[in-house]
């Protein structure tokens, strides 16, 4: 078993106003996203299954044409290859994502 602290994970700015940290095992991955107010994740899709759980702030999430404002404690399950996007509202936000399979483009490691 490998232990980690969020403060010990490398961060990377993936889009202006959006920072990503990640940790993974052999088959699963978890990412932590920090969002500045009004930041945007453009519409996209990927072959990975994704579960997003908001832990701070609010974001408007669009999944296959359905829009919902997610607040701390809310989440969304995104099936493989489903079009989705998000827009952070007026305050900073933070979310945790679970992924299967691992997104190799998000593997950064520890500091």
N, C-alpha and C. Protein backbone atom coordinates (compact mmCIF):
# COMPACT_ATOMS: atom_id res chain seq x y z
N UNK A 1 0.84 -1.17 0.00
CA UNK A 1 0.00 0.00 0.00
C UNK A 1 0.89 1.24 0.00
N UNK A 2 0.53 2.22 -0.79
CA UNK A 2 1.27 3.48 -0.83
C UNK A 2 0.42 4.59 -0.23
N UNK A 3 1.00 5.29 0.71
CA UNK A 3 0.30 6.41 1.34
C UNK A 3 0.71 7.70 0.63
N UNK A 4 -0.17 8.68 0.67
CA UNK A 4 0.16 9.97 0.07
C UNK A 4 -0.55 11.08 0.82
N UNK A 5 -0.04 12.30 0.66
CA UNK A 5 -0.69 13.51 1.13
C UNK A 5 -0.92 14.38 -0.10
N UNK A 6 -2.05 15.04 -0.14
CA UNK A 6 -2.32 15.93 -1.27
C UNK A 6 -1.19 16.95 -1.44
N UNK A 7 -0.68 17.47 -0.33
CA UNK A 7 0.40 18.47 -0.40
C UNK A 7 1.68 17.90 -1.01
N UNK A 8 1.81 16.57 -1.03
CA UNK A 8 2.99 15.93 -1.60
C UNK A 8 2.84 15.55 -3.06
N UNK A 9 1.67 15.83 -3.66
CA UNK A 9 1.44 15.51 -5.07
C UNK A 9 1.84 16.68 -5.95
N UNK A 10 2.43 16.39 -7.09
CA UNK A 10 2.79 17.44 -8.04
C UNK A 10 1.54 18.01 -8.67
N UNK A 11 1.52 19.32 -8.82
CA UNK A 11 0.41 19.98 -9.49
C UNK A 11 0.83 20.45 -10.87
N UNK A 12 -0.13 20.52 -11.77
CA UNK A 12 0.13 20.98 -13.13
C UNK A 12 -1.07 21.78 -13.60
N UNK A 13 -0.80 22.97 -14.16
CA UNK A 13 -1.89 23.74 -14.74
C UNK A 13 -2.23 23.11 -16.09
N UNK A 14 -3.47 22.64 -16.22
CA UNK A 14 -3.87 21.95 -17.44
C UNK A 14 -4.64 22.86 -18.40
N UNK A 15 -5.30 23.85 -17.85
CA UNK A 15 -6.00 24.89 -18.60
C UNK A 15 -5.86 26.14 -17.74
N UNK A 16 -5.88 27.31 -18.35
CA UNK A 16 -5.77 28.53 -17.56
C UNK A 16 -6.80 28.53 -16.44
N UNK A 17 -6.32 28.70 -15.20
CA UNK A 17 -7.20 28.73 -14.04
C UNK A 17 -7.55 27.37 -13.46
N UNK A 18 -6.97 26.30 -14.02
CA UNK A 18 -7.30 24.94 -13.55
C UNK A 18 -6.02 24.16 -13.30
N UNK A 19 -5.85 23.72 -12.03
CA UNK A 19 -4.68 22.95 -11.63
C UNK A 19 -5.11 21.53 -11.29
N UNK A 20 -4.27 20.58 -11.66
CA UNK A 20 -4.56 19.15 -11.48
C UNK A 20 -3.44 18.49 -10.69
N UNK A 21 -3.84 17.63 -9.74
CA UNK A 21 -2.93 16.72 -9.04
C UNK A 21 -3.49 15.33 -9.23
N UNK A 22 -2.62 14.31 -9.26
CA UNK A 22 -3.13 12.95 -9.48
C UNK A 22 -2.37 11.92 -8.65
N UNK A 23 -3.07 10.81 -8.43
CA UNK A 23 -2.47 9.65 -7.78
C UNK A 23 -3.12 8.42 -8.43
N UNK A 24 -2.32 7.36 -8.63
CA UNK A 24 -2.89 6.19 -9.30
C UNK A 24 -2.28 4.90 -8.78
N UNK A 25 -3.06 3.85 -8.98
CA UNK A 25 -2.59 2.50 -8.73
C UNK A 25 -2.32 1.86 -10.08
N UNK A 26 -2.44 0.54 -10.15
CA UNK A 26 -2.19 -0.15 -11.43
C UNK A 26 -3.36 -0.02 -12.39
N UNK A 27 -4.60 0.09 -11.87
CA UNK A 27 -5.77 0.11 -12.74
C UNK A 27 -6.73 1.27 -12.49
N UNK A 28 -6.55 1.99 -11.40
CA UNK A 28 -7.47 3.09 -11.09
C UNK A 28 -6.69 4.37 -10.81
N UNK A 29 -7.40 5.48 -10.88
CA UNK A 29 -6.77 6.78 -10.69
C UNK A 29 -7.73 7.73 -10.01
N UNK A 30 -7.16 8.65 -9.23
CA UNK A 30 -7.92 9.73 -8.63
C UNK A 30 -7.19 11.03 -8.95
N UNK A 31 -7.95 12.05 -9.32
CA UNK A 31 -7.37 13.36 -9.57
C UNK A 31 -8.05 14.39 -8.68
N UNK A 32 -7.32 15.44 -8.37
CA UNK A 32 -7.84 16.55 -7.59
C UNK A 32 -7.68 17.80 -8.45
N UNK A 33 -8.79 18.43 -8.77
CA UNK A 33 -8.78 19.65 -9.56
C UNK A 33 -9.07 20.85 -8.68
N UNK A 34 -8.29 21.91 -8.84
CA UNK A 34 -8.57 23.19 -8.20
C UNK A 34 -8.87 24.19 -9.30
N UNK A 35 -9.99 24.92 -9.14
CA UNK A 35 -10.47 25.83 -10.17
C UNK A 35 -10.53 27.26 -9.65
N UNK A 36 -10.04 28.18 -10.44
CA UNK A 36 -10.22 29.59 -10.15
C UNK A 36 -11.63 29.98 -10.56
N UNK A 37 -12.18 31.06 -9.97
CA UNK A 37 -13.52 31.50 -10.36
C UNK A 37 -13.64 31.70 -11.86
N UNK A 38 -14.78 31.33 -12.41
CA UNK A 38 -15.12 31.53 -13.82
C UNK A 38 -14.27 30.73 -14.80
N UNK A 39 -13.50 29.76 -14.33
CA UNK A 39 -12.73 28.93 -15.26
C UNK A 39 -13.66 27.95 -15.98
N UNK A 40 -13.21 27.50 -17.14
CA UNK A 40 -14.05 26.67 -18.02
C UNK A 40 -13.30 25.43 -18.48
N UNK A 41 -13.98 24.30 -18.40
CA UNK A 41 -13.49 23.07 -19.04
C UNK A 41 -14.31 22.92 -20.32
N UNK A 42 -13.68 23.09 -21.47
CA UNK A 42 -14.43 23.02 -22.74
C UNK A 42 -15.07 21.65 -22.96
N UNK A 43 -16.06 21.61 -23.80
CA UNK A 43 -16.76 20.38 -24.13
C UNK A 43 -15.76 19.36 -24.71
N UNK A 44 -15.85 18.14 -24.22
CA UNK A 44 -14.95 17.08 -24.66
C UNK A 44 -15.54 15.72 -24.28
N UNK A 45 -14.90 14.67 -24.75
CA UNK A 45 -15.24 13.30 -24.33
C UNK A 45 -13.97 12.47 -24.39
N UNK A 46 -14.00 11.33 -23.70
CA UNK A 46 -12.83 10.46 -23.63
C UNK A 46 -13.32 9.03 -23.36
N UNK A 47 -12.47 8.04 -23.61
CA UNK A 47 -12.90 6.65 -23.42
C UNK A 47 -12.96 6.22 -21.95
N UNK A 48 -12.47 7.06 -21.05
CA UNK A 48 -12.44 6.73 -19.62
C UNK A 48 -13.79 6.97 -18.96
N UNK A 49 -14.15 6.10 -18.01
CA UNK A 49 -15.28 6.39 -17.13
C UNK A 49 -14.77 7.37 -16.09
N UNK A 50 -15.62 8.30 -15.68
CA UNK A 50 -15.22 9.35 -14.75
C UNK A 50 -16.34 9.58 -13.74
N UNK A 51 -15.95 9.70 -12.47
CA UNK A 51 -16.88 10.12 -11.43
C UNK A 51 -16.30 11.38 -10.82
N UNK A 52 -17.08 12.46 -10.85
CA UNK A 52 -16.64 13.74 -10.29
C UNK A 52 -17.43 14.03 -9.02
N UNK A 53 -16.71 14.44 -7.97
CA UNK A 53 -17.32 14.79 -6.69
C UNK A 53 -16.80 16.17 -6.29
N UNK A 54 -17.69 17.13 -6.14
CA UNK A 54 -17.32 18.50 -5.79
C UNK A 54 -17.13 18.59 -4.28
N UNK A 55 -15.97 19.12 -3.86
CA UNK A 55 -15.71 19.24 -2.42
C UNK A 55 -15.70 20.70 -1.95
N UNK A 56 -15.60 21.65 -2.88
CA UNK A 56 -15.66 23.08 -2.54
C UNK A 56 -16.24 23.83 -3.72
N UNK A 57 -16.99 24.89 -3.44
CA UNK A 57 -17.47 25.77 -4.49
C UNK A 57 -18.64 25.21 -5.27
N UNK A 58 -18.87 25.81 -6.44
CA UNK A 58 -19.97 25.42 -7.32
C UNK A 58 -19.50 25.43 -8.77
N UNK A 59 -20.05 24.52 -9.54
CA UNK A 59 -19.76 24.51 -10.98
C UNK A 59 -21.01 24.07 -11.74
N UNK A 60 -21.21 24.70 -12.88
CA UNK A 60 -22.30 24.28 -13.76
C UNK A 60 -21.74 23.20 -14.66
N UNK A 61 -22.35 22.04 -14.63
CA UNK A 61 -21.87 20.88 -15.38
C UNK A 61 -22.86 20.56 -16.49
N UNK A 62 -22.37 20.32 -17.67
CA UNK A 62 -23.21 19.96 -18.81
C UNK A 62 -22.80 18.57 -19.27
N UNK A 63 -23.74 17.63 -19.24
CA UNK A 63 -23.49 16.24 -19.66
C UNK A 63 -24.56 15.84 -20.66
N UNK A 64 -24.13 15.58 -21.90
CA UNK A 64 -25.03 15.16 -22.97
C UNK A 64 -26.28 16.04 -23.04
N UNK A 65 -26.06 17.36 -22.99
CA UNK A 65 -27.15 18.32 -23.15
C UNK A 65 -27.92 18.65 -21.89
N UNK A 66 -27.68 17.95 -20.78
CA UNK A 66 -28.36 18.25 -19.52
C UNK A 66 -27.43 19.06 -18.62
N UNK A 67 -27.94 20.20 -18.12
CA UNK A 67 -27.15 21.10 -17.29
C UNK A 67 -27.60 21.03 -15.83
N UNK A 68 -26.62 21.07 -14.91
CA UNK A 68 -26.94 21.07 -13.49
C UNK A 68 -25.83 21.80 -12.75
N UNK A 69 -26.20 22.62 -11.76
CA UNK A 69 -25.21 23.26 -10.90
C UNK A 69 -24.87 22.29 -9.79
N UNK A 70 -23.60 21.92 -9.70
CA UNK A 70 -23.11 21.02 -8.65
C UNK A 70 -22.46 21.86 -7.56
N UNK A 71 -22.83 21.57 -6.31
CA UNK A 71 -22.27 22.24 -5.15
C UNK A 71 -21.48 21.23 -4.34
N UNK A 72 -20.76 21.70 -3.33
CA UNK A 72 -20.01 20.79 -2.45
C UNK A 72 -20.94 19.69 -1.97
N UNK A 73 -20.51 18.45 -2.13
CA UNK A 73 -21.31 17.29 -1.75
C UNK A 73 -22.06 16.66 -2.91
N UNK A 74 -22.08 17.32 -4.07
CA UNK A 74 -22.74 16.79 -5.27
C UNK A 74 -21.72 16.13 -6.18
N UNK A 75 -22.21 15.24 -7.03
CA UNK A 75 -21.33 14.57 -7.97
C UNK A 75 -22.04 14.18 -9.24
N UNK A 76 -21.28 13.63 -10.17
CA UNK A 76 -21.82 13.18 -11.45
C UNK A 76 -21.01 11.98 -11.93
N UNK A 77 -21.70 11.01 -12.52
CA UNK A 77 -21.04 9.86 -13.14
C UNK A 77 -21.08 10.08 -14.65
N UNK A 78 -19.90 10.04 -15.27
CA UNK A 78 -19.78 10.30 -16.70
C UNK A 78 -19.36 9.00 -17.39
N UNK A 79 -20.27 8.40 -18.15
CA UNK A 79 -19.92 7.18 -18.86
C UNK A 79 -18.86 7.44 -19.94
N UNK A 80 -18.24 6.40 -20.36
CA UNK A 80 -17.24 6.46 -21.44
C UNK A 80 -17.83 7.14 -22.68
N UNK A 81 -17.03 8.02 -23.28
CA UNK A 81 -17.35 8.69 -24.55
C UNK A 81 -18.61 9.57 -24.52
N UNK A 82 -18.96 10.11 -23.35
CA UNK A 82 -20.09 11.03 -23.24
C UNK A 82 -19.57 12.47 -23.24
N UNK A 83 -20.13 13.30 -24.10
CA UNK A 83 -19.76 14.71 -24.21
C UNK A 83 -20.11 15.43 -22.91
N UNK A 84 -19.14 16.23 -22.39
CA UNK A 84 -19.38 16.98 -21.16
C UNK A 84 -18.49 18.20 -21.08
N UNK A 85 -18.90 19.17 -20.26
CA UNK A 85 -18.13 20.39 -20.02
C UNK A 85 -18.51 20.93 -18.65
N UNK A 86 -17.76 21.92 -18.18
CA UNK A 86 -18.07 22.52 -16.88
C UNK A 86 -17.62 23.97 -16.88
N UNK A 87 -18.34 24.76 -16.08
CA UNK A 87 -18.01 26.17 -15.89
C UNK A 87 -18.09 26.45 -14.40
N UNK A 88 -16.98 26.91 -13.82
CA UNK A 88 -16.94 27.24 -12.41
C UNK A 88 -17.63 28.59 -12.21
N UNK A 89 -18.41 28.70 -11.15
CA UNK A 89 -19.14 29.94 -10.90
C UNK A 89 -18.22 30.97 -10.24
N UNK A 90 -18.74 31.90 -9.49
CA UNK A 90 -17.99 33.09 -9.07
C UNK A 90 -16.98 32.89 -7.95
N UNK A 91 -16.91 31.70 -7.34
CA UNK A 91 -15.95 31.43 -6.27
C UNK A 91 -15.04 30.28 -6.68
N UNK A 92 -13.85 30.16 -6.06
CA UNK A 92 -12.99 29.01 -6.35
C UNK A 92 -13.72 27.70 -6.06
N UNK A 93 -13.31 26.64 -6.75
CA UNK A 93 -13.93 25.33 -6.56
C UNK A 93 -12.84 24.26 -6.53
N UNK A 94 -13.22 23.12 -5.98
CA UNK A 94 -12.30 21.97 -5.92
C UNK A 94 -13.12 20.72 -6.11
N UNK A 95 -12.60 19.77 -6.89
CA UNK A 95 -13.31 18.53 -7.15
C UNK A 95 -12.33 17.36 -7.20
N UNK A 96 -12.83 16.19 -6.84
CA UNK A 96 -12.07 14.95 -6.93
C UNK A 96 -12.71 14.09 -8.01
N UNK A 97 -11.88 13.52 -8.88
CA UNK A 97 -12.37 12.63 -9.93
C UNK A 97 -11.77 11.25 -9.75
N UNK A 98 -12.59 10.22 -9.98
CA UNK A 98 -12.12 8.85 -10.06
C UNK A 98 -12.18 8.44 -11.52
N UNK A 99 -11.19 7.66 -11.97
CA UNK A 99 -11.06 7.31 -13.39
C UNK A 99 -10.82 5.82 -13.57
N UNK A 100 -11.40 5.29 -14.64
CA UNK A 100 -11.05 3.94 -15.09
C UNK A 100 -11.19 3.91 -16.61
N UNK A 101 -10.23 3.43 -17.33
CA UNK A 101 -8.88 3.11 -16.87
C UNK A 101 -8.10 4.40 -16.56
N UNK A 102 -6.88 4.24 -16.15
CA UNK A 102 -6.01 5.37 -15.83
C UNK A 102 -5.85 6.27 -17.05
N UNK A 103 -5.90 7.58 -16.82
CA UNK A 103 -5.60 8.56 -17.87
C UNK A 103 -4.10 8.81 -17.84
N UNK A 104 -3.39 8.20 -18.74
CA UNK A 104 -1.93 8.33 -18.77
C UNK A 104 -1.48 9.78 -18.88
N UNK A 105 -2.29 10.64 -19.53
CA UNK A 105 -1.91 12.05 -19.69
C UNK A 105 -2.04 12.81 -18.37
N UNK A 106 -2.62 12.19 -17.33
CA UNK A 106 -2.75 12.84 -16.03
C UNK A 106 -1.82 12.26 -14.97
N UNK A 107 -0.91 11.38 -15.33
CA UNK A 107 0.01 10.78 -14.35
C UNK A 107 1.20 11.72 -14.18
N UNK A 108 1.32 12.30 -12.95
CA UNK A 108 2.41 13.24 -12.64
C UNK A 108 3.30 12.77 -11.52
N UNK A 109 2.76 12.05 -10.55
CA UNK A 109 3.55 11.53 -9.44
C UNK A 109 3.64 12.47 -8.25
N UNK A 110 4.60 12.13 -7.38
CA UNK A 110 4.81 12.87 -6.14
C UNK A 110 5.92 13.88 -6.33
N UNK A 111 5.93 14.89 -5.45
CA UNK A 111 6.96 15.93 -5.48
C UNK A 111 8.30 15.33 -5.11
